[in-house]
Amino acid sequence: MTPIRTRLEALAQNLWWCWNPEAGALFRALDPERWTELHHNPVHMLAELSDDTLSARTPPDRLAAVERAFGAYLYEGNTWAARNVPQLVDPVAYFSMEFALHESLPIYSGGLGVLAGDHVKSASDLGLPFVGVGLLYREGYFKQVIEYGGQVAAYPRVPLDVLPLKKLDVVVQVPHGRGSYFATAWELQVGRVRLLLLDSDMPENAPEHRLLSRHLYGGDEAMRIRQEVLLGIGGVRMLRALDIDPGVFHMNEGHCAFAVLELMREGIAAGLTKDAALAAARAKCVFTTHTPVPAGHDRFGWELKNAALAGMRVAMGLPEGALMDLGRVKPGDMNETLCMTVLALRGSRAANGVSELHGQVSREMWTGLWPKLPIDQVPISYVTNGVHVPSWIHPKVAAMLDRACTGWREGAPISLTDVSDFELWTLRTDLRYELVGYARRRTGQKTLISQALCMGFARRFAPYKRGNLLFSDPDRLARLLFRHPIQLFFAGKSHPRDDAGQAIIREVLSWTRDERFRGRVVFLPDYDMELGRRLTQGVDLWLNLPRRPREASGTSGMKVPLNLGVNASVLDGWWPEAYDGTNGFAVGEAKDYANSDTQDAEDAESLFSILEDQVVPEYFDRDAQGIPRAWVTRMRRSLETCLQQFHTDRMVAEYASRFYAAR
């Protein structure tokens, strides 16, 4: 018989386990305390435990059941892709600077990575021919430590030897200036999908090139352009070295746009003219933009471009300025830098924003590329983001849906009419209890209570996200929090070079020490996938307060309805498509402002009015059974209206039908 260790290791080497609760529970049962300490890493767990321990703590019937489910998943022939896009035979190569797949693999910073990771998981679930391409970061994104009333960045090494990574025996050359350096790749299996992570930290390389695989978003502009060359050009070359011939190259944000240059170089080497090579590259590429403000798009001057790509231009036989022009709205304008988004738009046959509103904003932003077209005909559409439901829904909610909604896992509409208010409220109470217990363990604050209304604000602390908006009137907030038992949970990081974002974190931390808010306002440090999952599963009300229209999508709020939570959000990103008046709350108005101070003041007033006049009365008005009927109705509508519409299965199916399989 195959040893227990071998069977468990086979499961641990594929991240399929992390969105299948029965598999995760199998590993957790081996040593629950150590499982938590190791950030739920089964490879690390198995390396520590003896064969005898594994045999004693692994129920044979449960292991066999998980193995059967895993095998059935891998070898299922009647997938969504087989039924709906059978013409999609050649793989889709999906490029992204970051992938958030699990908390034990910290090669992500925030929403872009979470979206990419969820995209990969749904591509696997749908059975698409699909390969991901990214970078391996030896120290990942920074770990947030709270000291001296502020954020401190720490960079622990990622333990590659106890991760489900396989180093590939392949090396490619990546251009740098008029020379080159080497890169290899590691493979990560995500269900049916291969994820290739390029790595330049090789002894053959100079230190400056080895550093490219150190940090995500950790360096200056010179480091950024070189990492993007490694991803875009190195990524295409790695696919070729592995004999993978994609039919589609999907660039997730402008970081990946140098893939267009490598595809052009291949065409020119095959005898095509520059224009024909660009057309051939464009025929294979699609592009998703995530950035609704001009300043957020990567731009590089001639010096940086030349330092990174002078040899590439020569190899392509192009004159001075030709590469810069590919990334300029106005080719020939010597004052214009190379914009990665422009390069991606010029090099793609299809482009999209990530919500309906963001698509509109993007068309307005890039209308200069199509000066003869009206704005509404600029060829940038939208595919609204989603979240991978199996990764973010609490198992107890999934079990309830299994009982109440036949076919929901296959996309059937959800109706909770057969589920009583009592069952829904009991389930919501259980999830809140779990969050409060977790927060008490993380912070040591024993005064937190599970009977309180729990509100959450967790995301990257960029100034436009307004993490301090509630504190614009601290006296009013204090009255609100103490009139009824209410607890407010904050979490989030700010990039180490974002001084304004870090100042907001310091401000929020200072309010947690204010006597008026002690025990009611809590900051949970080191926001990662686990903390995000805990918060979105446990809170009653999720706050999203960006300055409209600067939030492209906002996927964190999509996770809350899956778990019977409710959103209170500015009408930005995904929320205008979701909000119907019964399933949450709309903060502010859907209008543009010339003055951000006016916008902040009006949105703050709207938020306080919603909390005081709607949220608190609905939540705390209980009947004889102790059930807040109006609030439960809103919870019910939140889940019914949002789960299927904002699932990455819907999103990836839309990409497959509209972009991948279309020609």
Foldseek 3Di string as FASTA:
>chain_A
DDQLLVLLVVVLLALQLLLPVLSLVQQCQLDVVVCVVLQNRSLVSSVPDDSVSSVVRGDVVSSVVVVVVLVCLQPPDPAQCVVPQVVQDAEEEEFDAAAFQGQLQQQDAFDLNQLRNQLQLLCSRRVGRYEYFYAAAQQHAFFWDQDPLFTDTDGDGRPPVRHSKAWDPDKDWFFFQQRTAIKTWIWGHHRNYIYIHIARLDPRDDPVRNCLRHYRVPDDLLSLLQVLSCRQQVRVVNCVRVVRDGQAYEYEALSNLCVLLNQLLVVVVVPDDSVVSLVVQQNRYEYEHFFLDPVVWDWDAPVSCNRGCVNSCVSSVHDPQPQQQLQDLDRPPNVGTRTSVSNRVSRHPAYEFAAQVSQLSVLVVNVSNVVVDDSVPRRYYYQHAFGALSNQFDVVLVVVCVVQPPCVVVQDFDACPVPDLVNLVVLLLVLQVQLQVVQCVQPVLPLADSVAQEEEEEGAQDVQQCPPLLVVPVVLVLCLCPVGPAAYEYEHYYRPVRPVSRVVSSVLSVVCVDPSCPNRYYYRGRDGPVNLSSVLQRHQEYETEGQPAGRRADHSPLSNLSNLHAYEYACYHHNVVQDDPQQHHHFDDPDDDPDVVVVSVRRSVSVSCCSVPPVVCQCQDADPVRGSVSSSSNSSSNNSRRDSSRHSSVSSVCCCVPPSSDD
